Amino acid sequence: MLRWLRDLAARLPSWLMIDGDEVVGACGYKTAPDAAGWVEIGYGVAETRRGRGHATRAVAEMIALAAAEPHIRALTAQTAVANAASQGVLARNGFTRVGESIDPEDGPMIVWRLGCAR
């Protein structure tokens, strides 16, 4: 998680998830907008802090921030096929399943997309 945070913060917008005075996770753009204006997002919550709505709220905030950026037209995300909790985060935020992929580290993935309203 720390390596991912360091790499992400060095190149793209990223944010910490805070609960009270505690950092419970992080989220951010995994890619810069491509030529079509699509941006991939990512997020992670500390294992001991999962199931409390942190990721759902963080994704909602990323959607709001992206909607304010005229060059961003859609957000994408990927979840592991076995990660039902993360799939729920995206579904609750209006993302739609649009395909599948294979990640070298995480295996079979579900690809999600959400258009940014203007």
PDB file of N, CA and C in Angstrom:
ATOM      1  N   MET A   1       0.822  -1.185   0.000  1.00  0.00           N
ATOM      2  CA  MET A   1       0.000   0.000   0.000  1.00  0.00           C
ATOM      3  C   MET A   1       0.871   1.255   0.000  1.00  0.00           C
ATOM      4  N   LEU A   2       1.903   1.289   0.807  1.00  0.00           N
ATOM      5  CA  LEU A   2       2.750   2.483   0.868  1.00  0.00           C
ATOM      6  C   LEU A   2       3.481   2.734  -0.448  1.00  0.00           C
ATOM      7  N   ARG A   3       3.954   1.680  -1.090  1.00  0.00           N
ATOM      8  CA  ARG A   3       4.631   1.845  -2.384  1.00  0.00           C
ATOM      9  C   ARG A   3       3.653   2.398  -3.409  1.00  0.00           C
ATOM     10  N   TRP A   4       2.435   1.866  -3.429  1.00  0.00           N
ATOM     11  CA  TRP A   4       1.399   2.343  -4.344  1.00  0.00           C
ATOM     12  C   TRP A   4       1.109   3.821  -4.093  1.00  0.00           C
ATOM     13  N   LEU A   5       0.972   4.210  -2.827  1.00  0.00           N
ATOM     14  CA  LEU A   5       0.721   5.602  -2.477  1.00  0.00           C
ATOM     15  C   LEU A   5       1.846   6.518  -2.950  1.00  0.00           C
ATOM     16  N   ARG A   6       3.069   6.127  -2.703  1.00  0.00           N
ATOM     17  CA  ARG A   6       4.224   6.943  -3.081  1.00  0.00           C
ATOM     18  C   ARG A   6       4.279   7.117  -4.592  1.00  0.00           C
ATOM     19  N   ASP A   7       4.087   6.037  -5.342  1.00  0.00           N
ATOM     20  CA  ASP A   7       4.122   6.105  -6.797  1.00  0.00           C
ATOM     21  C   ASP A   7       2.978   6.950  -7.335  1.00  0.00           C
ATOM     22  N   LEU A   8       1.804   6.774  -6.781  1.00  0.00           N
ATOM     23  CA  LEU A   8       0.625   7.508  -7.227  1.00  0.00           C
ATOM     24  C   LEU A   8       0.771   9.000  -6.963  1.00  0.00           C
ATOM     25  N   ALA A   9       1.169   9.360  -5.779  1.00  0.00           N
ATOM     26  CA  ALA A   9       1.288  10.773  -5.403  1.00  0.00           C
ATOM     27  C   ALA A   9       2.342  11.495  -6.230  1.00  0.00           C
ATOM     28  N   ALA A  10       3.341  10.769  -6.688  1.00  0.00           N
ATOM     29  CA  ALA A  10       4.416  11.389  -7.447  1.00  0.00           C
ATOM     30  C   ALA A  10       3.969  11.790  -8.852  1.00  0.00           C
ATOM     31  N   ARG A  11       2.904  11.199  -9.372  1.00  0.00           N
ATOM     32  CA  ARG A  11       2.567  11.470 -10.767  1.00  0.00           C
ATOM     33  C   ARG A  11       1.144  11.923 -11.033  1.00  0.00           C
ATOM     34  N   LEU A  12       0.204  11.640 -10.151  1.00  0.00           N
ATOM     35  CA  LEU A  12      -1.196  11.945 -10.420  1.00  0.00           C
ATOM     36  C   LEU A  12      -1.907  12.425  -9.159  1.00  0.00           C
ATOM     37  N   PRO A  13      -3.041  13.132  -9.332  1.00  0.00           N
ATOM     38  CA  PRO A  13      -3.798  13.559  -8.145  1.00  0.00           C
ATOM     39  C   PRO A  13      -4.172  12.373  -7.264  1.00  0.00           C
ATOM     40  N   SER A  14      -3.958  12.528  -5.976  1.00  0.00           N
ATOM     41  CA  SER A  14      -4.324  11.472  -5.030  1.00  0.00           C
ATOM     42  C   SER A  14      -4.703  12.112  -3.701  1.00  0.00           C
ATOM     43  N   TRP A  15      -5.498  11.381  -2.936  1.00  0.00           N
ATOM     44  CA  TRP A  15      -6.010  11.897  -1.678  1.00  0.00           C
ATOM     45  C   TRP A  15      -5.973  10.811  -0.614  1.00  0.00           C
ATOM     46  N   LEU A  16      -5.810  11.219   0.629  1.00  0.00           N
ATOM     47  CA  LEU A  16      -5.892  10.300   1.752  1.00  0.00           C
ATOM     48  C   LEU A  16      -7.331  10.254   2.246  1.00  0.00           C
ATOM     49  N   MET A  17      -7.761   9.091   2.711  1.00  0.00           N
ATOM     50  CA  MET A  17      -9.057   8.954   3.374  1.00  0.00           C
ATOM     51  C   MET A  17      -8.792   9.096   4.871  1.00  0.00           C
ATOM     52  N   ILE A  18      -9.492  10.035   5.492  1.00  0.00           N
ATOM     53  CA  ILE A  18      -9.281  10.337   6.906  1.00  0.00           C
ATOM     54  C   ILE A  18     -10.566  10.061   7.671  1.00  0.00           C
ATOM     55  N   ASP A  19     -10.437   9.425   8.820  1.00  0.00           N
ATOM     56  CA  ASP A  19     -11.561   9.226   9.738  1.00  0.00           C
ATOM     57  C   ASP A  19     -11.113   9.762  11.090  1.00  0.00           C
ATOM     58  N   GLY A  20     -11.663  10.912  11.467  1.00  0.00           N
ATOM     59  CA  GLY A  20     -11.200  11.560  12.692  1.00  0.00           C
ATOM     60  C   GLY A  20      -9.778  12.038  12.496  1.00  0.00           C
ATOM     61  N   ASP A  21      -8.853  11.530  13.303  1.00  0.00           N
ATOM     62  CA  ASP A  21      -7.453  11.902  13.155  1.00  0.00           C
ATOM     63  C   ASP A  21      -6.611  10.743  12.614  1.00  0.00           C
ATOM     64  N   GLU A  22      -7.260   9.813  11.934  1.00  0.00           N
ATOM     65  CA  GLU A  22      -6.584   8.609  11.455  1.00  0.00           C
ATOM     66  C   GLU A  22      -6.686   8.477   9.935  1.00  0.00           C
ATOM     67  N   VAL A  23      -5.568   8.170   9.286  1.00  0.00           N
ATOM     68  CA  VAL A  23      -5.572   7.844   7.865  1.00  0.00           C
ATOM     69  C   VAL A  23      -6.042   6.403   7.730  1.00  0.00           C
ATOM     70  N   VAL A  24      -7.123   6.189   6.978  1.00  0.00           N
ATOM     71  CA  VAL A  24      -7.687   4.851   6.834  1.00  0.00           C
ATOM     72  C   VAL A  24      -7.534   4.288   5.422  1.00  0.00           C
ATOM     73  N   GLY A  25      -7.095   5.115   4.474  1.00  0.00           N
ATOM     74  CA  GLY A  25      -6.926   4.647   3.109  1.00  0.00           C
ATOM     75  C   GLY A  25      -6.493   5.769   2.194  1.00  0.00           C
ATOM     76  N   ALA A  26      -6.496   5.457   0.904  1.00  0.00           N
ATOM     77  CA  ALA A  26      -6.108   6.443  -0.100  1.00  0.00           C
ATOM     78  C   ALA A  26      -6.871   6.172  -1.380  1.00  0.00           C
ATOM     79  N   CYS A  27      -6.970   7.208  -2.203  1.00  0.00           N
ATOM     80  CA  CYS A  27      -7.614   7.069  -3.495  1.00  0.00           C
ATOM     81  C   CYS A  27      -6.971   8.053  -4.452  1.00  0.00           C
ATOM     82  N   GLY A  28      -7.203   7.848  -5.731  1.00  0.00           N
ATOM     83  CA  GLY A  28      -6.656   8.786  -6.698  1.00  0.00           C
ATOM     84  C   GLY A  28      -6.797   8.289  -8.114  1.00  0.00           C
ATOM     85  N   TYR A  29      -6.261   9.090  -9.018  1.00  0.00           N
ATOM     86  CA  TYR A  29      -6.241   8.734 -10.434  1.00  0.00           C
ATOM     87  C   TYR A  29      -5.064   7.790 -10.662  1.00  0.00           C
ATOM     88  N   LYS A  30      -5.315   6.685 -11.328  1.00  0.00           N
ATOM     89  CA  LYS A  30      -4.243   5.757 -11.670  1.00  0.00           C
ATOM     90  C   LYS A  30      -3.610   6.131 -12.999  1.00  0.00           C
ATOM     91  N   THR A  31      -4.363   6.864 -13.821  1.00  0.00           N
ATOM     92  CA  THR A  31      -3.863   7.306 -15.116  1.00  0.00           C
ATOM     93  C   THR A  31      -4.236   8.761 -15.328  1.00  0.00           C
ATOM     94  N   ALA A  32      -3.484   9.430 -16.160  1.00  0.00           N
ATOM     95  CA  ALA A  32      -3.874  10.760 -16.615  1.00  0.00           C
ATOM     96  C   ALA A  32      -4.991  10.571 -17.649  1.00  0.00           C
ATOM     97  N   PRO A  33      -5.786  11.603 -17.893  1.00  0.00           N
ATOM     98  CA  PRO A  33      -6.830  11.466 -18.922  1.00  0.00           C
ATOM     99  C   PRO A  33      -6.219  11.081 -20.269  1.00  0.00           C
ATOM    100  N   ASP A  34      -6.825  10.106 -20.938  1.00  0.00           N
ATOM    101  CA  ASP A  34      -6.346   9.739 -22.262  1.00  0.00           C
ATOM    102  C   ASP A  34      -6.957  10.685 -23.300  1.00  0.00           C
ATOM    103  N   ALA A  35      -6.738  10.415 -24.571  1.00  0.00           N
ATOM    104  CA  ALA A  35      -7.214  11.310 -25.631  1.00  0.00           C
ATOM    105  C   ALA A  35      -8.732  11.457 -25.625  1.00  0.00           C
ATOM    106  N   ALA A  36      -9.438  10.434 -25.148  1.00  0.00           N
ATOM    107  CA  ALA A  36     -10.904  10.478 -25.093  1.00  0.00           C
ATOM    108  C   ALA A  36     -11.408  11.123 -23.796  1.00  0.00           C
ATOM    109  N   GLY A  37     -10.499  11.444 -22.872  1.00  0.00           N
ATOM    110  CA  GLY A  37     -10.896  12.046 -21.606  1.00  0.00           C
ATOM    111  C   GLY A  37     -11.261  11.035 -20.537  1.00  0.00           C
ATOM    112  N   TRP A  38     -10.781   9.809 -20.668  1.00  0.00           N
ATOM    113  CA  TRP A  38     -11.053   8.762 -19.682  1.00  0.00           C
ATOM    114  C   TRP A  38      -9.908   8.711 -18.679  1.00  0.00           C
ATOM    115  N   VAL A  39     -10.269   8.543 -17.402  1.00  0.00           N
ATOM    116  CA  VAL A  39      -9.298   8.452 -16.311  1.00  0.00           C
ATOM    117  C   VAL A  39      -9.619   7.207 -15.493  1.00  0.00           C
ATOM    118  N   GLU A  40      -8.593   6.405 -15.198  1.00  0.00           N
ATOM    119  CA  GLU A  40      -8.800   5.249 -14.315  1.00  0.00           C
ATOM    120  C   GLU A  40      -8.551   5.682 -12.877  1.00  0.00           C
ATOM    121  N   ILE A  41      -9.464   5.284 -11.988  1.00  0.00           N
ATOM    122  CA  ILE A  41      -9.306   5.587 -10.569  1.00  0.00           C
ATOM    123  C   ILE A  41      -8.928   4.321  -9.803  1.00  0.00           C
ATOM    124  N   GLY A  42      -8.375   4.520  -8.625  1.00  0.00           N
ATOM    125  CA  GLY A  42      -8.064   3.421  -7.732  1.00  0.00           C
ATOM    126  C   GLY A  42      -8.260   3.867  -6.297  1.00  0.00           C
ATOM    127  N   TYR A  43      -8.437   2.915  -5.408  1.00  0.00           N
ATOM    128  CA  TYR A  43      -8.637   3.238  -3.994  1.00  0.00           C
ATOM    129  C   TYR A  43      -8.301   2.013  -3.166  1.00  0.00           C
ATOM    130  N   GLY A  44      -7.978   2.264  -1.914  1.00  0.00           N
ATOM    131  CA  GLY A  44      -7.702   1.172  -0.989  1.00  0.00           C
ATOM    132  C   GLY A  44      -7.937   1.640   0.432  1.00  0.00           C
ATOM    133  N   VAL A  45      -8.463   0.750   1.245  1.00  0.00           N
ATOM    134  CA  VAL A  45      -8.753   1.045   2.648  1.00  0.00           C
ATOM    135  C   VAL A  45      -8.017   0.012   3.494  1.00  0.00           C
ATOM    136  N   ALA A  46      -7.440   0.476   4.598  1.00  0.00           N
ATOM    137  CA  ALA A  46      -6.757  -0.437   5.517  1.00  0.00           C
ATOM    138  C   ALA A  46      -7.712  -1.565   5.916  1.00  0.00           C
ATOM    139  N   GLU A  47      -7.195  -2.767   5.955  1.00  0.00           N
ATOM    140  CA  GLU A  47      -8.033  -3.942   6.226  1.00  0.00           C
ATOM    141  C   GLU A  47      -8.876  -3.791   7.489  1.00  0.00           C
ATOM    142  N   THR A  48      -8.315  -3.209   8.517  1.00  0.00           N
ATOM    143  CA  THR A  48      -9.047  -3.071   9.784  1.00  0.00           C
ATOM    144  C   THR A  48     -10.100  -1.964   9.750  1.00  0.00           C
ATOM    145  N   ARG A  49     -10.146  -1.197   8.668  1.00  0.00           N
ATOM    146  CA  ARG A  49     -11.097  -0.079   8.566  1.00  0.00           C
ATOM    147  C   ARG A  49     -12.115  -0.277   7.448  1.00  0.00           C
ATOM    148  N   ARG A  50     -12.140  -1.452   6.863  1.00  0.00           N
ATOM    149  CA  ARG A  50     -13.074  -1.730   5.764  1.00  0.00           C
ATOM    150  C   ARG A  50     -14.495  -1.922   6.280  1.00  0.00           C
ATOM    151  N   GLY A  51     -15.453  -1.754   5.385  1.00  0.00           N
ATOM    152  CA  GLY A  51     -16.853  -1.978   5.719  1.00  0.00           C
ATOM    153  C   GLY A  51     -17.508  -0.820   6.444  1.00  0.00           C
ATOM    154  N   ARG A  52     -16.887   0.345   6.418  1.00  0.00           N
ATOM    155  CA  ARG A  52     -17.423   1.512   7.120  1.00  0.00           C
ATOM    156  C   ARG A  52     -17.812   2.649   6.171  1.00  0.00           C
ATOM    157  N   GLY A  53     -17.792   2.389   4.862  1.00  0.00           N
ATOM    158  CA  GLY A  53     -18.207   3.399   3.890  1.00  0.00           C
ATOM    159  C   GLY A  53     -17.119   4.340   3.425  1.00  0.00           C
ATOM    160  N   HIS A  54     -15.889   4.143   3.874  1.00  0.00           N
ATOM    161  CA  HIS A  54     -14.812   5.058   3.488  1.00  0.00           C
ATOM    162  C   HIS A  54     -14.595   5.067   1.977  1.00  0.00           C
ATOM    163  N   ALA A  55     -14.506   3.901   1.354  1.00  0.00           N
ATOM    164  CA  ALA A  55     -14.253   3.831  -0.089  1.00  0.00           C
ATOM    165  C   ALA A  55     -15.444   4.385  -0.871  1.00  0.00           C
ATOM    166  N   THR A  56     -16.659   4.077  -0.439  1.00  0.00           N
ATOM    167  CA  THR A  56     -17.844   4.581  -1.131  1.00  0.00           C
ATOM    168  C   THR A  56     -17.843   6.109  -1.132  1.00  0.00           C
ATOM    169  N   ARG A  57     -17.554   6.706   0.002  1.00  0.00           N
ATOM    170  CA  ARG A  57     -17.511   8.179   0.078  1.00  0.00           C
ATOM    171  C   ARG A  57     -16.346   8.741  -0.731  1.00  0.00           C
ATOM    172  N   ALA A  58     -15.208   8.095  -0.703  1.00  0.00           N
ATOM    173  CA  ALA A  58     -14.044   8.581  -1.455  1.00  0.00           C
ATOM    174  C   ALA A  58     -14.313   8.541  -2.956  1.00  0.00           C
ATOM    175  N   VAL A  59     -14.913   7.473  -3.435  1.00  0.00           N
ATOM    176  CA  VAL A  59     -15.235   7.384  -4.870  1.00  0.00           C
ATOM    177  C   VAL A  59     -16.247   8.469  -5.240  1.00  0.00           C
ATOM    178  N   ALA A  60     -17.234   8.703  -4.392  1.00  0.00           N
ATOM    179  CA  ALA A  60     -18.203   9.769  -4.659  1.00  0.00           C
ATOM    180  C   ALA A  60     -17.506  11.120  -4.778  1.00  0.00           C
ATOM    181  N   GLU A  61     -16.526  11.380  -3.927  1.00  0.00           N
ATOM    182  CA  GLU A  61     -15.779  12.636  -3.994  1.00  0.00           C
ATOM    183  C   GLU A  61     -14.946  12.722  -5.267  1.00  0.00           C
ATOM    184  N   MET A  62     -14.326  11.603  -5.671  1.00  0.00           N
ATOM    185  CA  MET A  62     -13.554  11.617  -6.917  1.00  0.00           C
ATOM    186  C   MET A  62     -14.461  11.885  -8.111  1.00  0.00           C
ATOM    187  N   ILE A  63     -15.674  11.346  -8.089  1.00  0.00           N
ATOM    188  CA  ILE A  63     -16.633  11.607  -9.164  1.00  0.00           C
ATOM    189  C   ILE A  63     -16.951  13.098  -9.222  1.00  0.00           C
ATOM    190  N   ALA A  64     -17.206  13.701  -8.076  1.00  0.00           N
ATOM    191  CA  ALA A  64     -17.524  15.131  -8.037  1.00  0.00           C
ATOM    192  C   ALA A  64     -16.356  15.971  -8.542  1.00  0.00           C
ATOM    193  N   LEU A  65     -15.147  15.635  -8.145  1.00  0.00           N
ATOM    194  CA  LEU A  65     -13.976  16.374  -8.614  1.00  0.00           C
ATOM    195  C   LEU A  65     -13.782  16.214 -10.116  1.00  0.00           C
ATOM    196  N   ALA A  66     -13.955  15.003 -10.618  1.00  0.00           N
ATOM    197  CA  ALA A  66     -13.794  14.754 -12.050  1.00  0.00           C
ATOM    198  C   ALA A  66     -14.855  15.495 -12.861  1.00  0.00           C
ATOM    199  N   ALA A  67     -16.068  15.571 -12.344  1.00  0.00           N
ATOM    200  CA  ALA A  67     -17.154  16.266 -13.054  1.00  0.00           C
ATOM    201  C   ALA A  67     -16.855  17.748 -13.217  1.00  0.00           C
ATOM    202  N   ALA A  68     -16.038  18.295 -12.343  1.00  0.00           N
ATOM    203  CA  ALA A  68     -15.681  19.711 -12.426  1.00  0.00           C
ATOM    204  C   ALA A  68     -14.529  19.974 -13.396  1.00  0.00           C
ATOM    205  N   GLU A  69     -13.931  18.937 -13.900  1.00  0.00           N
ATOM    206  CA  GLU A  69     -12.806  19.058 -14.833  1.00  0.00           C
ATOM    207  C   GLU A  69     -13.309  18.861 -16.260  1.00  0.00           C
ATOM    208  N   PRO A  70     -13.294  19.900 -17.097  1.00  0.00           N
ATOM    209  CA  PRO A  70     -13.868  19.776 -18.438  1.00  0.00           C
ATOM    210  C   PRO A  70     -13.162  18.771 -19.343  1.00  0.00           C
ATOM    211  N   HIS A  71     -11.905  18.472 -19.085  1.00  0.00           N
ATOM    212  CA  HIS A  71     -11.174  17.531 -19.930  1.00  0.00           C
ATOM    213  C   HIS A  71     -11.413  16.067 -19.531  1.00  0.00           C
ATOM    214  N   ILE A  72     -12.102  15.821 -18.409  1.00  0.00           N
ATOM    215  CA  ILE A  72     -12.412  14.443 -17.995  1.00  0.00           C
ATOM    216  C   ILE A  72     -13.850  14.127 -18.407  1.00  0.00           C
ATOM    217  N   ARG A  73     -14.005  13.109 -19.237  1.00  0.00           N
ATOM    218  CA  ARG A  73     -15.315  12.742 -19.759  1.00  0.00           C
ATOM    219  C   ARG A  73     -15.877  11.471 -19.125  1.00  0.00           C
ATOM    220  N   ALA A  74     -14.984  10.616 -18.595  1.00  0.00           N
ATOM    221  CA  ALA A  74     -15.447   9.371 -17.981  1.00  0.00           C
ATOM    222  C   ALA A  74     -14.394   8.853 -17.012  1.00  0.00           C
ATOM    223  N   LEU A  75     -14.869   8.122 -16.009  1.00  0.00           N
ATOM    224  CA  LEU A  75     -13.987   7.437 -15.072  1.00  0.00           C
ATOM    225  C   LEU A  75     -14.093   5.947 -15.312  1.00  0.00           C
ATOM    226  N   THR A  76     -12.981   5.266 -15.179  1.00  0.00           N
ATOM    227  CA  THR A  76     -12.966   3.818 -15.261  1.00  0.00           C
ATOM    228  C   THR A  76     -12.319   3.271 -13.996  1.00  0.00           C
ATOM    229  N   ALA A  77     -12.589   2.020 -13.715  1.00  0.00           N
ATOM    230  CA  ALA A  77     -11.980   1.340 -12.571  1.00  0.00           C
ATOM    231  C   ALA A  77     -11.979  -0.149 -12.866  1.00  0.00           C
ATOM    232  N   GLN A  78     -11.145  -0.868 -12.141  1.00  0.00           N
ATOM    233  CA  GLN A  78     -11.119  -2.321 -12.252  1.00  0.00           C
ATOM    234  C   GLN A  78     -11.180  -2.918 -10.855  1.00  0.00           C
ATOM    235  N   THR A  79     -11.924  -3.998 -10.734  1.00  0.00           N
ATOM    236  CA  THR A  79     -11.986  -4.726  -9.464  1.00  0.00           C
ATOM    237  C   THR A  79     -11.690  -6.195  -9.720  1.00  0.00           C
ATOM    238  N   ALA A  80     -11.059  -6.826  -8.763  1.00  0.00           N
ATOM    239  CA  ALA A  80     -10.853  -8.264  -8.864  1.00  0.00           C
ATOM    240  C   ALA A  80     -12.213  -8.955  -8.879  1.00  0.00           C
ATOM    241  N   VAL A  81     -12.320 -10.001  -9.659  1.00  0.00           N
ATOM    242  CA  VAL A  81     -13.576 -10.748  -9.755  1.00  0.00           C
ATOM    243  C   VAL A  81     -14.039 -11.202  -8.377  1.00  0.00           C
ATOM    244  N   ALA A  82     -13.108 -11.546  -7.500  1.00  0.00           N
ATOM    245  CA  ALA A  82     -13.457 -12.048  -6.166  1.00  0.00           C
ATOM    246  C   ALA A  82     -13.718 -10.937  -5.148  1.00  0.00           C
ATOM    247  N   ASN A  83     -13.556  -9.662  -5.528  1.00  0.00           N
ATOM    248  CA  ASN A  83     -13.676  -8.565  -4.573  1.00  0.00           C
ATOM    249  C   ASN A  83     -15.077  -7.951  -4.621  1.00  0.00           C
ATOM    250  N   ALA A  84     -16.027  -8.620  -4.009  1.00  0.00           N
ATOM    251  CA  ALA A  84     -17.418  -8.163  -4.019  1.00  0.00           C
ATOM    252  C   ALA A  84     -17.581  -6.812  -3.328  1.00  0.00           C
ATOM    253  N   ALA A  85     -16.796  -6.544  -2.292  1.00  0.00           N
ATOM    254  CA  ALA A  85     -16.916  -5.270  -1.584  1.00  0.00           C
ATOM    255  C   ALA A  85     -16.567  -4.105  -2.503  1.00  0.00           C
ATOM    256  N   SER A  86     -15.494  -4.214  -3.245  1.00  0.00           N
ATOM    257  CA  SER A  86     -15.092  -3.146  -4.153  1.00  0.00           C
ATOM    258  C   SER A  86     -16.089  -3.009  -5.304  1.00  0.00           C
ATOM    259  N   GLN A  87     -16.626  -4.109  -5.754  1.00  0.00           N
ATOM    260  CA  GLN A  87     -17.660  -4.053  -6.792  1.00  0.00           C
ATOM    261  C   GLN A  87     -18.867  -3.276  -6.278  1.00  0.00           C
ATOM    262  N   GLY A  88     -19.221  -3.478  -5.018  1.00  0.00           N
ATOM    263  CA  GLY A  88     -20.330  -2.750  -4.408  1.00  0.00           C
ATOM    264  C   GLY A  88     -20.061  -1.265  -4.319  1.00  0.00           C
ATOM    265  N   VAL A  89     -18.821  -0.887  -4.008  1.00  0.00           N
ATOM    266  CA  VAL A  89     -18.441   0.528  -3.942  1.00  0.00           C
ATOM    267  C   VAL A  89     -18.738   1.200  -5.282  1.00  0.00           C
ATOM    268  N   LEU A  90     -18.295   0.564  -6.358  1.00  0.00           N
ATOM    269  CA  LEU A  90     -18.491   1.162  -7.680  1.00  0.00           C
ATOM    270  C   LEU A  90     -19.961   1.164  -8.083  1.00  0.00           C
ATOM    271  N   ALA A  91     -20.660   0.066  -7.829  1.00  0.00           N
ATOM    272  CA  ALA A  91     -22.085  -0.003  -8.184  1.00  0.00           C
ATOM    273  C   ALA A  91     -22.885   1.057  -7.427  1.00  0.00           C
ATOM    274  N   ARG A  92     -22.606   1.243  -6.142  1.00  0.00           N
ATOM    275  CA  ARG A  92     -23.310   2.264  -5.357  1.00  0.00           C
ATOM    276  C   ARG A  92     -23.059   3.673  -5.881  1.00  0.00           C
ATOM    277  N   ASN A  93     -21.952   3.848  -6.554  1.00  0.00           N
ATOM    278  CA  ASN A  93     -21.613   5.159  -7.104  1.00  0.00           C
ATOM    279  C   ASN A  93     -21.998   5.303  -8.575  1.00  0.00           C
ATOM    280  N   GLY A  94     -22.763   4.369  -9.100  1.00  0.00           N
ATOM    281  CA  GLY A  94     -23.293   4.501 -10.453  1.00  0.00           C
ATOM    282  C   GLY A  94     -22.447   3.946 -11.572  1.00  0.00           C
ATOM    283  N   PHE A  95     -21.325   3.306 -11.260  1.00  0.00           N
ATOM    284  CA  PHE A  95     -20.498   2.693 -12.303  1.00  0.00           C
ATOM    285  C   PHE A  95     -21.232   1.488 -12.888  1.00  0.00           C
ATOM    286  N   THR A  96     -20.946   1.204 -14.158  1.00  0.00           N
ATOM    287  CA  THR A  96     -21.522   0.069 -14.867  1.00  0.00           C
ATOM    288  C   THR A  96     -20.407  -0.871 -15.291  1.00  0.00           C
ATOM    289  N   ARG A  97     -20.660  -2.161 -15.154  1.00  0.00           N
ATOM    290  CA  ARG A  97     -19.702  -3.161 -15.646  1.00  0.00           C
ATOM    291  C   ARG A  97     -19.676  -3.104 -17.167  1.00  0.00           C
ATOM    292  N   VAL A  98     -18.476  -2.971 -17.740  1.00  0.00           N
ATOM    293  CA  VAL A  98     -18.374  -2.863 -19.197  1.00  0.00           C
ATOM    294  C   VAL A  98     -17.464  -3.915 -19.821  1.00  0.00           C
ATOM    295  N   GLY A  99     -16.824  -4.738 -19.014  1.00  0.00           N
ATOM    296  CA  GLY A  99     -15.949  -5.750 -19.589  1.00  0.00           C
ATOM    297  C   GLY A  99     -15.128  -6.461 -18.538  1.00  0.00           C
ATOM    298  N   GLU A 100     -14.164  -7.215 -19.040  1.00  0.00           N
ATOM    299  CA  GLU A 100     -13.253  -7.964 -18.183  1.00  0.00           C
ATOM    300  C   GLU A 100     -11.843  -7.819 -18.706  1.00  0.00           C
ATOM    301  N   SER A 101     -10.884  -8.024 -17.829  1.00  0.00           N
ATOM    302  CA  SER A 101      -9.477  -7.994 -18.212  1.00  0.00           C
ATOM    303  C   SER A 101      -8.710  -8.941 -17.296  1.00  0.00           C
ATOM    304  N   ILE A 102      -7.444  -9.084 -17.569  1.00  0.00           N
ATOM    305  CA  ILE A 102      -6.564  -9.890 -16.721  1.00  0.00           C
ATOM    306  C   ILE A 102      -5.433  -8.989 -16.248  1.00  0.00           C
ATOM    307  N   ASP A 103      -5.259  -8.889 -14.942  1.00  0.00           N
ATOM    308  CA  ASP A 103      -4.163  -8.129 -14.358  1.00  0.00           C
ATOM    309  C   ASP A 103      -3.038  -9.101 -14.016  1.00  0.00           C
ATOM    310  N   PRO A 104      -1.787  -8.775 -14.361  1.00  0.00           N
ATOM    311  CA  PRO A 104      -0.683  -9.702 -14.077  1.00  0.00           C
ATOM    312  C   PRO A 104      -0.538 -10.046 -12.602  1.00  0.00           C
ATOM    313  N   GLU A 105      -0.887  -9.101 -11.711  1.00  0.00           N
ATOM    314  CA  GLU A 105      -0.747  -9.353 -10.273  1.00  0.00           C
ATOM    315  C   GLU A 105      -2.032  -9.883  -9.638  1.00  0.00           C
ATOM    316  N   ASP A 106      -3.184  -9.343 -10.069  1.00  0.00           N
ATOM    317  CA  ASP A 106      -4.454  -9.653  -9.402  1.00  0.00           C
ATOM    318  C   ASP A 106      -5.331 -10.654 -10.136  1.00  0.00           C
ATOM    319  N   GLY A 107      -4.954 -11.062 -11.343  1.00  0.00           N
ATOM    320  CA  GLY A 107      -5.729 -12.057 -12.077  1.00  0.00           C
ATOM    321  C   GLY A 107      -6.948 -11.464 -12.766  1.00  0.00           C
ATOM    322  N   PRO A 108      -8.044 -12.235 -12.855  1.00  0.00           N
ATOM    323  CA  PRO A 108      -9.247 -11.785 -13.561  1.00  0.00           C
ATOM    324  C   PRO A 108      -9.855 -10.547 -12.902  1.00  0.00           C
ATOM    325  N   MET A 109     -10.184  -9.573 -13.741  1.00  0.00           N
ATOM    326  CA  MET A 109     -10.710  -8.294 -13.264  1.00  0.00           C
ATOM    327  C   MET A 109     -12.018  -7.956 -13.992  1.00  0.00           C
ATOM    328  N   ILE A 110     -12.847  -7.161 -13.324  1.00  0.00           N
ATOM    329  CA  ILE A 110     -14.036  -6.589 -13.941  1.00  0.00           C
ATOM    330  C   ILE A 110     -13.725  -5.127 -14.230  1.00  0.00           C
ATOM    331  N   VAL A 111     -14.052  -4.673 -15.440  1.00  0.00           N
ATOM    332  CA  VAL A 111     -13.823  -3.291 -15.844  1.00  0.00           C
ATOM    333  C   VAL A 111     -15.136  -2.526 -15.693  1.00  0.00           C
ATOM    334  N   TRP A 112     -15.043  -1.350 -15.091  1.00  0.00           N
ATOM    335  CA  TRP A 112     -16.207  -0.510 -14.806  1.00  0.00           C
ATOM    336  C   TRP A 112     -16.032   0.849 -15.463  1.00  0.00           C
ATOM    337  N   ARG A 113     -17.161   1.542 -15.738  1.00  0.00           N
ATOM    338  CA  ARG A 113     -17.107   2.866 -16.351  1.00  0.00           C
ATOM    339  C   ARG A 113     -18.255   3.726 -15.834  1.00  0.00           C
ATOM    340  N   LEU A 114     -17.974   5.029 -15.719  1.00  0.00           N
ATOM    341  CA  LEU A 114     -18.978   6.017 -15.363  1.00  0.00           C
ATOM    342  C   LEU A 114     -18.721   7.286 -16.148  1.00  0.00           C
ATOM    343  N   GLY A 115     -19.708   7.739 -16.921  1.00  0.00           N
ATOM    344  CA  GLY A 115     -19.570   9.007 -17.632  1.00  0.00           C
ATOM    345  C   GLY A 115     -19.723  10.162 -16.651  1.00  0.00           C
ATOM    346  N   CYS A 116     -18.979  11.238 -16.896  1.00  0.00           N
ATOM    347  CA  CYS A 116     -19.047  12.419 -16.039  1.00  0.00           C
ATOM    348  C   CYS A 116     -20.126  13.357 -16.573  1.00  0.00           C
ATOM    349  N   ALA A 117     -21.096  13.658 -15.740  1.00  0.00           N
ATOM    350  CA  ALA A 117     -22.168  14.564 -16.126  1.00  0.00           C
ATOM    351  C   ALA A 117     -21.644  15.994 -16.183  1.00  0.00           C
ATOM    352  N   ARG A 118     -22.108  16.737 -17.118  1.00  0.00           N
ATOM    353  CA  ARG A 118     -21.711  18.147 -17.269  1.00  0.00           C
ATOM    354  C   ARG A 118     -22.899  19.035 -17.089  1.00  0.00           C
TER     355      ARG A 118
END
